[in-house]
C-alpha atoms as a PDB file:
ATOM      1  CA  UNK A   1     -23.901 -14.996 -16.692  1.00  0.00           C
ATOM      2  CA  UNK A   2     -26.950 -13.433 -15.557  1.00  0.00           C
ATOM      3  CA  UNK A   3     -29.148 -11.741 -18.011  1.00  0.00           C
ATOM      4  CA  UNK A   4     -27.997  -8.270 -16.312  1.00  0.00           C
ATOM      5  CA  UNK A   5     -24.826  -9.148 -17.659  1.00  0.00           C
ATOM      6  CA  UNK A   6     -23.491  -8.388 -21.110  1.00  0.00           C
ATOM      7  CA  UNK A   7     -20.014  -9.558 -22.810  1.00  0.00           C
ATOM      8  CA  UNK A   8     -18.418  -7.172 -24.916  1.00  0.00           C
ATOM      9  CA  UNK A   9     -15.003  -7.224 -26.897  1.00  0.00           C
ATOM     10  CA  UNK A  10     -12.299  -4.342 -26.493  1.00  0.00           C
ATOM     11  CA  UNK A  11     -12.970  -2.983 -29.917  1.00  0.00           C
ATOM     12  CA  UNK A  12     -16.912  -3.009 -29.514  1.00  0.00           C
ATOM     13  CA  UNK A  13     -16.449  -1.255 -26.111  1.00  0.00           C
ATOM     14  CA  UNK A  14     -14.356   1.467 -27.565  1.00  0.00           C
ATOM     15  CA  UNK A  15     -16.836   2.300 -30.113  1.00  0.00           C
ATOM     16  CA  UNK A  16     -20.173   2.138 -27.861  1.00  0.00           C
ATOM     17  CA  UNK A  17     -18.594   3.386 -24.678  1.00  0.00           C
ATOM     18  CA  UNK A  18     -21.337   6.034 -24.073  1.00  0.00           C
ATOM     19  CA  UNK A  19     -24.131   3.532 -24.549  1.00  0.00           C
ATOM     20  CA  UNK A  20     -22.306   0.965 -22.531  1.00  0.00           C
ATOM     21  CA  UNK A  21     -22.148   3.410 -19.688  1.00  0.00           C
ATOM     22  CA  UNK A  22     -25.553   4.303 -19.926  1.00  0.00           C
ATOM     23  CA  UNK A  23     -26.199   0.436 -19.450  1.00  0.00           C
ATOM     24  CA  UNK A  24     -24.046   0.401 -16.329  1.00  0.00           C
ATOM     25  CA  UNK A  25     -25.559   3.300 -15.172  1.00  0.00           C
ATOM     26  CA  UNK A  26     -29.186   1.748 -15.308  1.00  0.00           C
ATOM     27  CA  UNK A  27     -27.732  -1.150 -13.496  1.00  0.00           C
ATOM     28  CA  UNK A  28     -26.299  -3.661 -16.111  1.00  0.00           C
ATOM     29  CA  UNK A  29     -22.792  -5.306 -15.508  1.00  0.00           C
ATOM     30  CA  UNK A  30     -20.373  -5.257 -18.684  1.00  0.00           C
ATOM     31  CA  UNK A  31     -17.751  -8.253 -18.814  1.00  0.00           C
ATOM     32  CA  UNK A  32     -14.876  -6.840 -21.273  1.00  0.00           C
ATOM     33  CA  UNK A  33     -13.276  -9.561 -23.510  1.00  0.00           C
ATOM     34  CA  UNK A  34     -10.234  -9.731 -25.287  1.00  0.00           C
ATOM     35  CA  UNK A  35     -10.040 -12.435 -27.558  1.00  0.00           C
ATOM     36  CA  UNK A  36     -13.222 -14.145 -26.260  1.00  0.00           C
ATOM     37  CA  UNK A  37     -11.485 -14.113 -22.409  1.00  0.00           C
ATOM     38  CA  UNK A  38     -12.897 -12.084 -19.975  1.00  0.00           C
ATOM     39  CA  UNK A  39     -10.327  -9.371 -18.942  1.00  0.00           C
ATOM     40  CA  UNK A  40     -12.460  -6.617 -17.023  1.00  0.00           C
ATOM     41  CA  UNK A  41     -15.612  -6.203 -15.379  1.00  0.00           C
ATOM     42  CA  UNK A  42     -17.675  -2.905 -15.513  1.00  0.00           C
ATOM     43  CA  UNK A  43     -20.183  -2.635 -12.575  1.00  0.00           C
ATOM     44  CA  UNK A  44     -22.594   0.089 -11.253  1.00  0.00           C
ATOM     45  CA  UNK A  45     -21.215   2.424  -8.619  1.00  0.00           C
ATOM     46  CA  UNK A  46     -22.762   1.586  -5.311  1.00  0.00           C
ATOM     47  CA  UNK A  47     -23.744   3.907  -3.012  1.00  0.00           C
ATOM     48  CA  UNK A  48     -22.482   2.578   0.254  1.00  0.00           C
ATOM     49  CA  UNK A  49     -19.384   0.672   1.386  1.00  0.00           C
ATOM     50  CA  UNK A  50     -21.807  -2.152   2.287  1.00  0.00           C
ATOM     51  CA  UNK A  51     -22.944  -2.392  -1.059  1.00  0.00           C
ATOM     52  CA  UNK A  52     -19.795  -2.330  -2.840  1.00  0.00           C
ATOM     53  CA  UNK A  53     -18.578  -5.202  -0.545  1.00  0.00           C
ATOM     54  CA  UNK A  54     -21.369  -7.148  -1.523  1.00  0.00           C
ATOM     55  CA  UNK A  55     -21.017  -6.430  -5.334  1.00  0.00           C
ATOM     56  CA  UNK A  56     -17.312  -7.744  -4.799  1.00  0.00           C
ATOM     57  CA  UNK A  57     -18.572 -11.144  -3.108  1.00  0.00           C
ATOM     58  CA  UNK A  58     -21.429 -11.776  -5.530  1.00  0.00           C
ATOM     59  CA  UNK A  59     -18.852 -10.996  -8.470  1.00  0.00           C
ATOM     60  CA  UNK A  60     -16.399 -13.396  -7.041  1.00  0.00           C
ATOM     61  CA  UNK A  61     -13.777 -10.857  -6.553  1.00  0.00           C
ATOM     62  CA  UNK A  62     -13.659 -11.338  -2.713  1.00  0.00           C
ATOM     63  CA  UNK A  63     -14.587 -13.991  -0.091  1.00  0.00           C
ATOM     64  CA  UNK A  64     -15.699 -12.389   3.134  1.00  0.00           C
ATOM     65  CA  UNK A  65     -17.700 -14.163   6.151  1.00  0.00           C
ATOM     66  CA  UNK A  66     -18.912 -10.788   7.007  1.00  0.00           C
ATOM     67  CA  UNK A  67     -16.918 -10.649  10.428  1.00  0.00           C
ATOM     68  CA  UNK A  68     -14.661  -8.080  11.742  1.00  0.00           C
ATOM     69  CA  UNK A  69     -11.029  -8.614  11.854  1.00  0.00           C
ATOM     70  CA  UNK A  70      -9.143  -9.089  15.108  1.00  0.00           C
ATOM     71  CA  UNK A  71      -6.480  -6.283  16.025  1.00  0.00           C
ATOM     72  CA  UNK A  72      -3.203  -7.009  14.250  1.00  0.00           C
ATOM     73  CA  UNK A  73       0.079  -7.962  15.739  1.00  0.00           C
ATOM     74  CA  UNK A  74       2.918  -6.102  15.318  1.00  0.00           C
ATOM     75  CA  UNK A  75       5.323  -7.238  12.453  1.00  0.00           C
ATOM     76  CA  UNK A  76       8.450  -6.758  14.610  1.00  0.00           C
ATOM     77  CA  UNK A  77       9.957  -4.565  17.555  1.00  0.00           C
ATOM     78  CA  UNK A  78      12.215  -1.599  17.448  1.00  0.00           C
ATOM     79  CA  UNK A  79      15.176  -1.960  19.883  1.00  0.00           C
ATOM     80  CA  UNK A  80      15.758   1.288  21.642  1.00  0.00           C
ATOM     81  CA  UNK A  81      13.856   4.293  22.080  1.00  0.00           C
ATOM     82  CA  UNK A  82      13.346   5.438  18.626  1.00  0.00           C
ATOM     83  CA  UNK A  83      10.118   4.784  17.018  1.00  0.00           C
ATOM     84  CA  UNK A  84       9.436   3.123  13.569  1.00  0.00           C
ATOM     85  CA  UNK A  85       8.541   6.368  12.072  1.00  0.00           C
ATOM     86  CA  UNK A  86      11.739   7.953  13.350  1.00  0.00           C
ATOM     87  CA  UNK A  87      13.774   5.039  11.893  1.00  0.00           C
ATOM     88  CA  UNK A  88      11.788   5.727   8.470  1.00  0.00           C
ATOM     89  CA  UNK A  89      12.934   9.594   8.664  1.00  0.00           C
ATOM     90  CA  UNK A  90      16.292   8.706   9.480  1.00  0.00           C
ATOM     91  CA  UNK A  91      16.584   6.500   6.690  1.00  0.00           C
ATOM     92  CA  UNK A  92      15.159   8.841   3.812  1.00  0.00           C
ATOM     93  CA  UNK A  93      17.787  11.405   4.877  1.00  0.00           C
END
């Protein structure tokens, strides 16, 4: 746990929510615990997508090499002339 991270129980969070939000706004991360076990993390809102991805990577929530993914392969083929969208609409009717 870093110095910018604070652990707080659910009951205490409920009673000091405004103060916790001020701390998060100032850059602190708050780890919410239930009976001493971490259950949630409140992190400052990042300005850009790259900052959000980096925050998730640092927290251990994701693992990413930074490389772009290649094109996805189709999951299956449709026989005939109808598209998958046509089949979905038809099935909903």
